Amino acid sequence: MKGSGNGRYFLYPVEREAGYMDFYEARAFIQRGDVAITVLMYDTKKIPENEIRSLAERQLGRL
């Protein structure tokens, strides 16, 4: 996460298909010691970068 080597997050390009709602996806991978966590977010609205980052940072803080 920000300034840390303990995790990464990714925002994927929107998937558009005729007749369906837009599909947004974000993922975060965080690790502390021998515990690793994957956070997956899906929505039909754009996922802000700070939303996936702050969620992953909060989860990392709980480890």
Protein backbone atom coordinates (compact mmCIF):
# COMPACT_ATOMS: atom_id res chain seq x y z
CA MET A 1 0.00 0.00 0.00
CA LYS A 2 1.13 3.61 0.03
CA GLY A 3 4.85 3.66 0.77
CA SER A 4 4.82 -0.02 1.74
CA GLY A 5 6.08 -3.18 0.09
CA ASN A 6 3.36 -5.22 1.81
CA GLY A 7 0.72 -5.00 -0.90
CA ARG A 8 -0.47 -3.95 -4.32
CA TYR A 9 -3.82 -2.95 -5.79
CA PHE A 10 -5.11 -2.98 -9.35
CA LEU A 11 -8.00 -1.27 -11.12
CA TYR A 12 -9.05 -3.13 -14.24
CA PRO A 13 -10.52 -1.50 -17.37
CA VAL A 14 -14.29 -1.37 -17.55
CA GLU A 15 -15.92 -4.29 -19.36
CA ARG A 16 -18.71 -3.16 -21.67
CA GLU A 17 -21.08 -5.42 -23.52
CA ALA A 18 -24.21 -4.43 -25.43
CA GLY A 19 -27.36 -5.06 -23.41
CA TYR A 20 -25.50 -5.34 -20.08
CA MET A 21 -24.47 -2.88 -17.40
CA ASP A 22 -20.84 -1.80 -17.25
CA PHE A 23 -18.69 -4.06 -15.07
CA TYR A 24 -15.87 -2.65 -12.93
CA GLU A 25 -13.31 -4.70 -11.04
CA ALA A 26 -10.56 -3.88 -8.52
CA ARG A 27 -8.22 -6.22 -6.65
CA ALA A 28 -5.75 -5.84 -3.82
CA PHE A 29 -3.13 -8.29 -2.60
CA ILE A 30 -1.66 -7.71 0.86
CA GLN A 31 0.72 -9.71 3.01
CA ARG A 32 2.17 -9.52 6.50
CA GLY A 33 4.40 -12.30 7.75
CA ASP A 34 3.05 -15.63 6.59
CA VAL A 35 -0.55 -14.38 6.13
CA ALA A 36 -1.72 -13.20 2.70
CA ILE A 37 -5.08 -11.62 1.81
CA THR A 38 -6.78 -11.00 -1.52
CA VAL A 39 -9.48 -8.31 -1.66
CA LEU A 40 -11.84 -8.37 -4.65
CA MET A 41 -14.32 -5.60 -5.49
CA TYR A 42 -16.91 -5.64 -8.26
CA ASP A 43 -19.50 -3.00 -9.12
CA THR A 44 -21.59 -1.53 -11.91
CA LYS A 45 -20.27 1.95 -11.02
CA LYS A 46 -16.68 3.13 -11.28
CA ILE A 47 -14.58 2.08 -8.28
CA PRO A 48 -12.41 4.99 -7.09
CA GLU A 49 -8.71 4.22 -6.63
CA ASN A 50 -8.76 5.51 -3.05
CA GLU A 51 -11.63 3.13 -2.16
CA ILE A 52 -9.73 -0.09 -2.93
CA ARG A 53 -6.53 1.34 -1.47
CA SER A 54 -8.11 2.45 1.82
CA LEU A 55 -9.96 -0.87 2.19
CA ALA A 56 -6.74 -2.81 1.67
CA GLU A 57 -4.84 -0.55 4.09
CA ARG A 58 -7.51 -1.08 6.77
CA GLN A 59 -7.33 -4.85 6.30
CA LEU A 60 -3.53 -4.74 6.47
CA GLY A 61 -3.81 -2.79 9.73
CA ARG A 62 -5.97 -5.56 11.19
CA LEU A 63 -3.26 -8.17 10.56
